[in-house]
Amino acid sequence: MTRLSVNINKLATLRNARGGDNPDVVRMALDIERFGAQGITVHPRPDERHIRRSDVLALRPVLTTEFNIEGYPSDDFVTLVLAVKPGQVTLVPDPPGVLTSNAGWDARANKTFLKEVIARFTGAGIRTSIFMGTDREQIGHAADTGTDRIELYTEPYAANYRLDRAAAVAPFTGAAERASAMGLGLNAGHDLDRTNLAYFKANVPGLLEVSIGHALICDALTFGLENTVQLYLRELR
């Protein structure tokens, strides 16, 4: 079964809108685990507009499922990840002020940089994943970095799903086959939701993990958090 990692950034955004500790992101992360999710994802950014460094430090000792920290590998980010030692770190090519992740790495142009960063994480026993598009040549370059996995950036699939879902998923099927041939594990994330998730899972071989935040938290406003986690797990079965 493909594992569900819930990105809790949106819960932190809601908390930060009013200050204080409501909702309590640590307690809610523990609830999400209890409701059946197999992982928790956070994406701390330099301005701490949602997840804060203090959240990352508070979550690590209490989580019992996989903890995935994603972000741009700045010096501060690398220092935080090495201190926390999560189960997985996902490297994204976000510049500091970007609203949300919107592209995969150019692994060819950034290969030396990524090799150096990944070597540090690997040496600390942390599994690495890098955010990638579906270009087969780029996936080959990603394998050269020493990463354990890639995470496919799925916004193009989500954007075109309702127009032609077979055409939308085809590049991701090919990317998954390329990743497998290169010995890479496969994750995916960005704009996956209850509508498009099952079809993606059925047509992308070797999918180990999906990271879902915005859509899942929005659905929880209607269906409740526990029920929503179960609904997404059902789609992955």
C-alpha atoms as a PDB file:
ATOM      1  CA  MET A   1       0.000   0.000   0.000  1.00  0.00           C
ATOM      2  CA  THR A   2       1.164   3.518  -0.798  1.00  0.00           C
ATOM      3  CA  ARG A   3       1.794   5.419   2.428  1.00  0.00           C
ATOM      4  CA  LEU A   4      -0.026   8.673   3.247  1.00  0.00           C
ATOM      5  CA  SER A   5       2.040  11.479   4.767  1.00  0.00           C
ATOM      6  CA  VAL A   6      -0.069  14.456   5.825  1.00  0.00           C
ATOM      7  CA  ASN A   7       1.468  17.901   5.404  1.00  0.00           C
ATOM      8  CA  ILE A   8       0.376  19.988   8.402  1.00  0.00           C
ATOM      9  CA  ASN A   9       1.553  23.393   7.156  1.00  0.00           C
ATOM     10  CA  LYS A  10      -2.031  24.626   6.726  1.00  0.00           C
ATOM     11  CA  LEU A  11      -2.800  23.881  10.366  1.00  0.00           C
ATOM     12  CA  ALA A  12       0.143  26.068  11.357  1.00  0.00           C
ATOM     13  CA  THR A  13      -1.064  28.811   8.990  1.00  0.00           C
ATOM     14  CA  LEU A  14      -4.424  28.826  10.783  1.00  0.00           C
ATOM     15  CA  ARG A  15      -2.739  28.984  14.188  1.00  0.00           C
ATOM     16  CA  ASN A  16      -0.434  31.796  13.144  1.00  0.00           C
ATOM     17  CA  ALA A  17      -3.344  33.888  11.877  1.00  0.00           C
ATOM     18  CA  ARG A  18      -4.408  34.560  15.468  1.00  0.00           C
ATOM     19  CA  GLY A  19      -1.296  33.782  17.476  1.00  0.00           C
ATOM     20  CA  GLY A  20      -1.359  31.517  20.486  1.00  0.00           C
ATOM     21  CA  ASP A  21      -1.549  27.751  20.090  1.00  0.00           C
ATOM     22  CA  ASN A  22      -4.955  27.053  18.576  1.00  0.00           C
ATOM     23  CA  PRO A  23      -4.951  24.753  16.730  1.00  0.00           C
ATOM     24  CA  ASP A  24      -2.154  22.942  18.542  1.00  0.00           C
ATOM     25  CA  VAL A  25      -0.168  21.532  15.612  1.00  0.00           C
ATOM     26  CA  VAL A  26       1.659  18.944  17.720  1.00  0.00           C
ATOM     27  CA  ARG A  27      -1.551  17.555  19.193  1.00  0.00           C
ATOM     28  CA  MET A  28      -3.199  17.515  15.777  1.00  0.00           C
ATOM     29  CA  ALA A  29      -0.222  15.748  14.225  1.00  0.00           C
ATOM     30  CA  LEU A  30      -0.569  13.063  16.877  1.00  0.00           C
ATOM     31  CA  ASP A  31      -4.295  12.835  16.105  1.00  0.00           C
ATOM     32  CA  ILE A  32      -3.531  12.430  12.394  1.00  0.00           C
ATOM     33  CA  GLU A  33      -1.186   9.563  13.223  1.00  0.00           C
ATOM     34  CA  ARG A  34      -3.852   8.017  15.452  1.00  0.00           C
ATOM     35  CA  PHE A  35      -6.398   8.314  12.631  1.00  0.00           C
ATOM     36  CA  GLY A  36      -4.204   6.113  10.428  1.00  0.00           C
ATOM     37  CA  ALA A  37      -1.796   8.318   8.451  1.00  0.00           C
ATOM     38  CA  GLN A  38       1.628   6.735   8.069  1.00  0.00           C
ATOM     39  CA  GLY A  39       3.607   9.965   8.167  1.00  0.00           C
ATOM     40  CA  ILE A  40       3.702  13.672   8.969  1.00  0.00           C
ATOM     41  CA  THR A  41       5.270  16.211   6.607  1.00  0.00           C
ATOM     42  CA  VAL A  42       6.342  19.770   7.414  1.00  0.00           C
ATOM     43  CA  HIS A  43       7.883  22.430   5.207  1.00  0.00           C
ATOM     44  CA  PRO A  44       9.519  25.111   7.377  1.00  0.00           C
ATOM     45  CA  ARG A  45      10.323  28.306   5.501  1.00  0.00           C
ATOM     46  CA  PRO A  46      12.725  31.078   6.525  1.00  0.00           C
ATOM     47  CA  ASP A  47       9.919  33.528   7.407  1.00  0.00           C
ATOM     48  CA  GLU A  48       8.117  30.888   9.546  1.00  0.00           C
ATOM     49  CA  ARG A  49       4.794  31.905   8.033  1.00  0.00           C
ATOM     50  CA  HIS A  50       3.401  28.482   8.849  1.00  0.00           C
ATOM     51  CA  ILE A  51       5.579  25.746  10.384  1.00  0.00           C
ATOM     52  CA  ARG A  52       8.151  27.179  12.772  1.00  0.00           C
ATOM     53  CA  ARG A  53      11.524  25.808  13.758  1.00  0.00           C
ATOM     54  CA  SER A  54      10.126  25.301  17.258  1.00  0.00           C
ATOM     55  CA  ASP A  55       7.348  23.116  15.794  1.00  0.00           C
ATOM     56  CA  VAL A  56       9.887  20.892  14.086  1.00  0.00           C
ATOM     57  CA  LEU A  57      11.822  20.468  17.317  1.00  0.00           C
ATOM     58  CA  ALA A  58       8.640  19.746  19.288  1.00  0.00           C
ATOM     59  CA  LEU A  59       7.319  17.189  16.808  1.00  0.00           C
ATOM     60  CA  ARG A  60      10.400  15.016  16.488  1.00  0.00           C
ATOM     61  CA  PRO A  61      10.390  13.336  19.919  1.00  0.00           C
ATOM     62  CA  VAL A  62       6.654  12.562  19.959  1.00  0.00           C
ATOM     63  CA  LEU A  63       5.858  11.322  16.459  1.00  0.00           C
ATOM     64  CA  THR A  64       5.708   7.558  16.010  1.00  0.00           C
ATOM     65  CA  THR A  65       5.273   7.463  12.211  1.00  0.00           C
ATOM     66  CA  GLU A  66       7.666   8.737   9.564  1.00  0.00           C
ATOM     67  CA  PHE A  67       8.646  12.391   9.958  1.00  0.00           C
ATOM     68  CA  ASN A  68       9.363  14.053   6.598  1.00  0.00           C
ATOM     69  CA  ILE A  69      10.910  17.523   6.539  1.00  0.00           C
ATOM     70  CA  GLU A  70      10.895  19.248   3.172  1.00  0.00           C
ATOM     71  CA  GLY A  71      12.487  22.481   2.097  1.00  0.00           C
ATOM     72  CA  TYR A  72      15.210  24.284   0.212  1.00  0.00           C
ATOM     73  CA  PRO A  73      18.641  23.117   1.441  1.00  0.00           C
ATOM     74  CA  SER A  74      19.947  26.423   2.768  1.00  0.00           C
ATOM     75  CA  ASP A  75      22.563  26.314   5.498  1.00  0.00           C
ATOM     76  CA  ASP A  76      19.907  26.907   8.166  1.00  0.00           C
ATOM     77  CA  PHE A  77      17.682  24.153   6.776  1.00  0.00           C
ATOM     78  CA  VAL A  78      20.526  21.649   6.608  1.00  0.00           C
ATOM     79  CA  THR A  79      21.518  22.460  10.197  1.00  0.00           C
ATOM     80  CA  LEU A  80      17.934  21.961  11.399  1.00  0.00           C
ATOM     81  CA  VAL A  81      17.505  18.628   9.609  1.00  0.00           C
ATOM     82  CA  LEU A  82      20.812  17.285  10.880  1.00  0.00           C
ATOM     83  CA  ALA A  83      19.837  18.267  14.422  1.00  0.00           C
ATOM     84  CA  VAL A  84      16.376  16.693  14.217  1.00  0.00           C
ATOM     85  CA  LYS A  85      17.279  13.593  12.148  1.00  0.00           C
ATOM     86  CA  PRO A  86      13.852  12.874  10.633  1.00  0.00           C
ATOM     87  CA  GLY A  87      13.085   9.657   8.815  1.00  0.00           C
ATOM     88  CA  GLN A  88      13.167  11.489   5.480  1.00  0.00           C
ATOM     89  CA  VAL A  89      14.221  14.845   4.095  1.00  0.00           C
ATOM     90  CA  THR A  90      12.741  16.071   0.812  1.00  0.00           C
ATOM     91  CA  LEU A  91      14.717  18.737  -1.021  1.00  0.00           C
ATOM     92  CA  VAL A  92      12.754  21.291  -3.030  1.00  0.00           C
ATOM     93  CA  PRO A  93      14.140  24.098  -5.222  1.00  0.00           C
ATOM     94  CA  ASP A  94      12.009  26.849  -3.659  1.00  0.00           C
ATOM     95  CA  PRO A  95      13.469  30.337  -3.480  1.00  0.00           C
ATOM     96  CA  PRO A  96      12.825  31.961  -0.055  1.00  0.00           C
ATOM     97  CA  GLY A  97       9.755  34.050  -0.969  1.00  0.00           C
ATOM     98  CA  VAL A  98       7.787  31.579  -3.069  1.00  0.00           C
ATOM     99  CA  LEU A  99       4.158  30.919  -2.061  1.00  0.00           C
ATOM    100  CA  THR A 100       4.326  27.158  -2.619  1.00  0.00           C
ATOM    101  CA  SER A 101       6.487  24.634  -4.435  1.00  0.00           C
ATOM    102  CA  ASN A 102       6.014  25.092  -8.172  1.00  0.00           C
ATOM    103  CA  ALA A 103       8.728  23.134 -10.006  1.00  0.00           C
ATOM    104  CA  GLY A 104      11.126  20.255  -9.700  1.00  0.00           C
ATOM    105  CA  TRP A 105      14.905  20.451  -9.572  1.00  0.00           C
ATOM    106  CA  ASP A 106      17.104  20.916 -12.589  1.00  0.00           C
ATOM    107  CA  ALA A 107      19.202  17.995 -11.377  1.00  0.00           C
ATOM    108  CA  ARG A 108      21.715  18.361 -14.182  1.00  0.00           C
ATOM    109  CA  ALA A 109      22.542  21.996 -13.413  1.00  0.00           C
ATOM    110  CA  ASN A 110      22.481  21.480  -9.633  1.00  0.00           C
ATOM    111  CA  LYS A 111      24.072  18.045  -9.481  1.00  0.00           C
ATOM    112  CA  THR A 112      27.226  19.018  -7.615  1.00  0.00           C
ATOM    113  CA  PHE A 113      25.271  21.030  -5.049  1.00  0.00           C
ATOM    114  CA  LEU A 114      22.740  18.241  -4.506  1.00  0.00           C
ATOM    115  CA  LYS A 115      25.455  15.587  -4.213  1.00  0.00           C
ATOM    116  CA  GLU A 116      27.155  17.527  -1.438  1.00  0.00           C
ATOM    117  CA  VAL A 117      23.961  18.112   0.536  1.00  0.00           C
ATOM    118  CA  ILE A 118      22.658  14.573   0.080  1.00  0.00           C
ATOM    119  CA  ALA A 119      25.986  13.122   1.205  1.00  0.00           C
ATOM    120  CA  ARG A 120      25.638  15.000   4.495  1.00  0.00           C
ATOM    121  CA  PHE A 121      22.140  13.664   5.099  1.00  0.00           C
ATOM    122  CA  THR A 122      23.057  10.137   4.047  1.00  0.00           C
ATOM    123  CA  GLY A 123      26.014  10.220   6.417  1.00  0.00           C
ATOM    124  CA  ALA A 124      23.599  11.059   9.230  1.00  0.00           C
ATOM    125  CA  GLY A 125      21.350   8.102   8.365  1.00  0.00           C
ATOM    126  CA  ILE A 126      18.532  10.226   6.882  1.00  0.00           C
ATOM    127  CA  ARG A 127      16.720   8.989   3.776  1.00  0.00           C
ATOM    128  CA  THR A 128      16.701  11.619   1.031  1.00  0.00           C
ATOM    129  CA  SER A 129      14.183  12.489  -1.656  1.00  0.00           C
ATOM    130  CA  ILE A 130      14.368  15.288  -4.205  1.00  0.00           C
ATOM    131  CA  PHE A 131      11.427  17.065  -5.821  1.00  0.00           C
ATOM    132  CA  MET A 132      11.379  16.351  -9.568  1.00  0.00           C
ATOM    133  CA  GLY A 133       9.361  16.792 -12.732  1.00  0.00           C
ATOM    134  CA  THR A 134       8.736  13.970 -15.187  1.00  0.00           C
ATOM    135  CA  ASP A 135      11.586  14.551 -17.643  1.00  0.00           C
ATOM    136  CA  ARG A 136      13.310  11.186 -18.058  1.00  0.00           C
ATOM    137  CA  GLU A 137      16.754  12.672 -18.643  1.00  0.00           C
ATOM    138  CA  GLN A 138      16.466  14.782 -15.500  1.00  0.00           C
ATOM    139  CA  ILE A 139      15.499  11.709 -13.492  1.00  0.00           C
ATOM    140  CA  GLY A 140      18.695  10.080 -14.699  1.00  0.00           C
ATOM    141  CA  HIS A 141      20.659  13.059 -13.401  1.00  0.00           C
ATOM    142  CA  ALA A 142      18.753  12.837 -10.114  1.00  0.00           C
ATOM    143  CA  ALA A 143      19.977   9.267  -9.686  1.00  0.00           C
ATOM    144  CA  ASP A 144      23.557  10.545 -10.036  1.00  0.00           C
ATOM    145  CA  THR A 145      23.127  12.733  -6.936  1.00  0.00           C
ATOM    146  CA  GLY A 146      22.971   9.734  -4.600  1.00  0.00           C
ATOM    147  CA  THR A 147      19.380  10.382  -3.513  1.00  0.00           C
ATOM    148  CA  ASP A 148      17.304   7.457  -2.294  1.00  0.00           C
ATOM    149  CA  ARG A 149      14.048   8.638  -3.816  1.00  0.00           C
ATOM    150  CA  ILE A 150      12.458  11.310  -5.960  1.00  0.00           C
ATOM    151  CA  GLU A 151       9.134  13.016  -5.277  1.00  0.00           C
ATOM    152  CA  LEU A 152       7.212  13.707  -8.465  1.00  0.00           C
ATOM    153  CA  TYR A 153       5.700  17.207  -8.646  1.00  0.00           C
ATOM    154  CA  THR A 154       2.080  16.404  -9.473  1.00  0.00           C
ATOM    155  CA  GLU A 155       0.498  19.828 -10.054  1.00  0.00           C
ATOM    156  CA  PRO A 156       0.509  19.338 -13.882  1.00  0.00           C
ATOM    157  CA  TYR A 157      -1.351  16.043 -13.413  1.00  0.00           C
ATOM    158  CA  ALA A 158      -3.926  17.627 -11.095  1.00  0.00           C
ATOM    159  CA  ALA A 159      -4.428  20.613 -13.422  1.00  0.00           C
ATOM    160  CA  ASN A 160      -5.171  18.410 -16.436  1.00  0.00           C
ATOM    161  CA  TYR A 161      -6.946  15.512 -14.739  1.00  0.00           C
ATOM    162  CA  ARG A 162     -10.480  16.663 -15.527  1.00  0.00           C
ATOM    163  CA  LEU A 163      -9.600  17.441 -19.152  1.00  0.00           C
ATOM    164  CA  ASP A 164      -7.991  14.109 -20.058  1.00  0.00           C
ATOM    165  CA  ARG A 165      -6.867  11.982 -17.166  1.00  0.00           C
ATOM    166  CA  ALA A 166      -5.109   9.380 -19.330  1.00  0.00           C
ATOM    167  CA  ALA A 167      -3.002  12.053 -21.004  1.00  0.00           C
ATOM    168  CA  ALA A 168      -2.426  13.769 -17.665  1.00  0.00           C
ATOM    169  CA  VAL A 169      -1.024  10.687 -15.978  1.00  0.00           C
ATOM    170  CA  ALA A 170       1.005   9.326 -18.906  1.00  0.00           C
ATOM    171  CA  PRO A 171       4.186  11.383 -18.211  1.00  0.00           C
ATOM    172  CA  PHE A 172       4.091  10.256 -14.571  1.00  0.00           C
ATOM    173  CA  THR A 173       3.807   6.611 -15.568  1.00  0.00           C
ATOM    174  CA  GLY A 174       6.867   7.043 -17.756  1.00  0.00           C
ATOM    175  CA  ALA A 175       8.728   8.896 -15.002  1.00  0.00           C
ATOM    176  CA  ALA A 176       7.937   6.135 -12.524  1.00  0.00           C
ATOM    177  CA  GLU A 177       9.277   3.505 -14.909  1.00  0.00           C
ATOM    178  CA  ARG A 178      12.444   5.558 -15.406  1.00  0.00           C
ATOM    179  CA  ALA A 179      12.902   5.989 -11.657  1.00  0.00           C
ATOM    180  CA  SER A 180      12.533   2.253 -11.100  1.00  0.00           C
ATOM    181  CA  ALA A 181      15.084   1.512 -13.812  1.00  0.00           C
ATOM    182  CA  MET A 182      17.518   3.899 -12.100  1.00  0.00           C
ATOM    183  CA  GLY A 183      17.011   2.250  -8.718  1.00  0.00           C
ATOM    184  CA  LEU A 184      15.138   5.187  -7.200  1.00  0.00           C
ATOM    185  CA  GLY A 185      12.209   4.970  -4.807  1.00  0.00           C
ATOM    186  CA  LEU A 186       9.166   7.018  -5.766  1.00  0.00           C
ATOM    187  CA  ASN A 187       7.092   9.550  -3.831  1.00  0.00           C
ATOM    188  CA  ALA A 188       4.614  12.120  -5.169  1.00  0.00           C
ATOM    189  CA  GLY A 189       2.889  15.270  -4.042  1.00  0.00           C
ATOM    190  CA  HIS A 190       1.247  18.615  -4.838  1.00  0.00           C
ATOM    191  CA  ASP A 191      -2.468  19.096  -5.515  1.00  0.00           C
ATOM    192  CA  LEU A 192      -3.346  15.438  -5.162  1.00  0.00           C
ATOM    193  CA  ASP A 193      -6.868  15.097  -3.733  1.00  0.00           C
ATOM    194  CA  ARG A 194      -9.768  12.679  -3.273  1.00  0.00           C
ATOM    195  CA  THR A 195     -10.821  13.151  -6.895  1.00  0.00           C
ATOM    196  CA  ASN A 196      -7.558  12.361  -8.637  1.00  0.00           C
ATOM    197  CA  LEU A 197      -5.593  10.259  -6.128  1.00  0.00           C
ATOM    198  CA  ALA A 198      -6.882   6.741  -6.848  1.00  0.00           C
ATOM    199  CA  TYR A 199      -6.342   7.056 -10.602  1.00  0.00           C
ATOM    200  CA  PHE A 200      -2.816   8.331 -10.055  1.00  0.00           C
ATOM    201  CA  LYS A 201      -2.048   5.452  -7.716  1.00  0.00           C
ATOM    202  CA  ALA A 202      -3.438   2.911 -10.184  1.00  0.00           C
ATOM    203  CA  ASN A 203      -1.353   4.202 -13.077  1.00  0.00           C
ATOM    204  CA  VAL A 204       1.973   5.095 -11.453  1.00  0.00           C
ATOM    205  CA  PRO A 205       3.896   1.917 -10.636  1.00  0.00           C
ATOM    206  CA  GLY A 206       6.041   1.656  -7.545  1.00  0.00           C
ATOM    207  CA  LEU A 207       4.468   4.607  -5.730  1.00  0.00           C
ATOM    208  CA  LEU A 208       5.735   4.394  -2.156  1.00  0.00           C
ATOM    209  CA  GLU A 209       4.369   7.555  -0.563  1.00  0.00           C
ATOM    210  CA  VAL A 210       2.200  10.591  -1.232  1.00  0.00           C
ATOM    211  CA  SER A 211       2.406  13.852   0.691  1.00  0.00           C
ATOM    212  CA  ILE A 212      -0.914  15.711   0.862  1.00  0.00           C
ATOM    213  CA  GLY A 213      -1.721  18.842   2.816  1.00  0.00           C
ATOM    214  CA  HIS A 214      -3.916  21.586   1.378  1.00  0.00           C
ATOM    215  CA  ALA A 215      -6.681  19.428  -0.115  1.00  0.00           C
ATOM    216  CA  LEU A 216      -6.833  17.099   2.876  1.00  0.00           C
ATOM    217  CA  ILE A 217      -7.120  19.921   5.411  1.00  0.00           C
ATOM    218  CA  CYS A 218      -9.788  21.613   3.273  1.00  0.00           C
ATOM    219  CA  ASP A 219     -11.768  18.364   3.115  1.00  0.00           C
ATOM    220  CA  ALA A 220     -11.459  18.049   6.887  1.00  0.00           C
ATOM    221  CA  LEU A 221     -13.507  21.246   7.268  1.00  0.00           C
ATOM    222  CA  THR A 222     -16.428  19.374   5.705  1.00  0.00           C
ATOM    223  CA  PHE A 223     -15.896  15.758   6.722  1.00  0.00           C
ATOM    224  CA  GLY A 224     -13.910  16.036   9.942  1.00  0.00           C
ATOM    225  CA  LEU A 225     -10.237  15.227  10.293  1.00  0.00           C
ATOM    226  CA  GLU A 226     -10.512  11.571  11.302  1.00  0.00           C
ATOM    227  CA  ASN A 227     -12.994  10.737   8.559  1.00  0.00           C
ATOM    228  CA  THR A 228     -10.947  12.641   5.976  1.00  0.00           C
ATOM    229  CA  VAL A 229      -7.746  10.741   6.749  1.00  0.00           C
ATOM    230  CA  GLN A 230      -9.714   7.516   6.337  1.00  0.00           C
ATOM    231  CA  LEU A 231     -11.182   8.717   3.041  1.00  0.00           C
ATOM    232  CA  TYR A 232      -7.704   9.377   1.647  1.00  0.00           C
ATOM    233  CA  LEU A 233      -6.403   6.041   2.882  1.00  0.00           C
ATOM    234  CA  ARG A 234      -9.335   4.405   1.137  1.00  0.00           C
ATOM    235  CA  GLU A 235      -8.331   6.040  -2.153  1.00  0.00           C
ATOM    236  CA  LEU A 236      -4.824   4.603  -1.751  1.00  0.00           C
ATOM    237  CA  ARG A 237      -6.161   1.081  -1.289  1.00  0.00           C
END
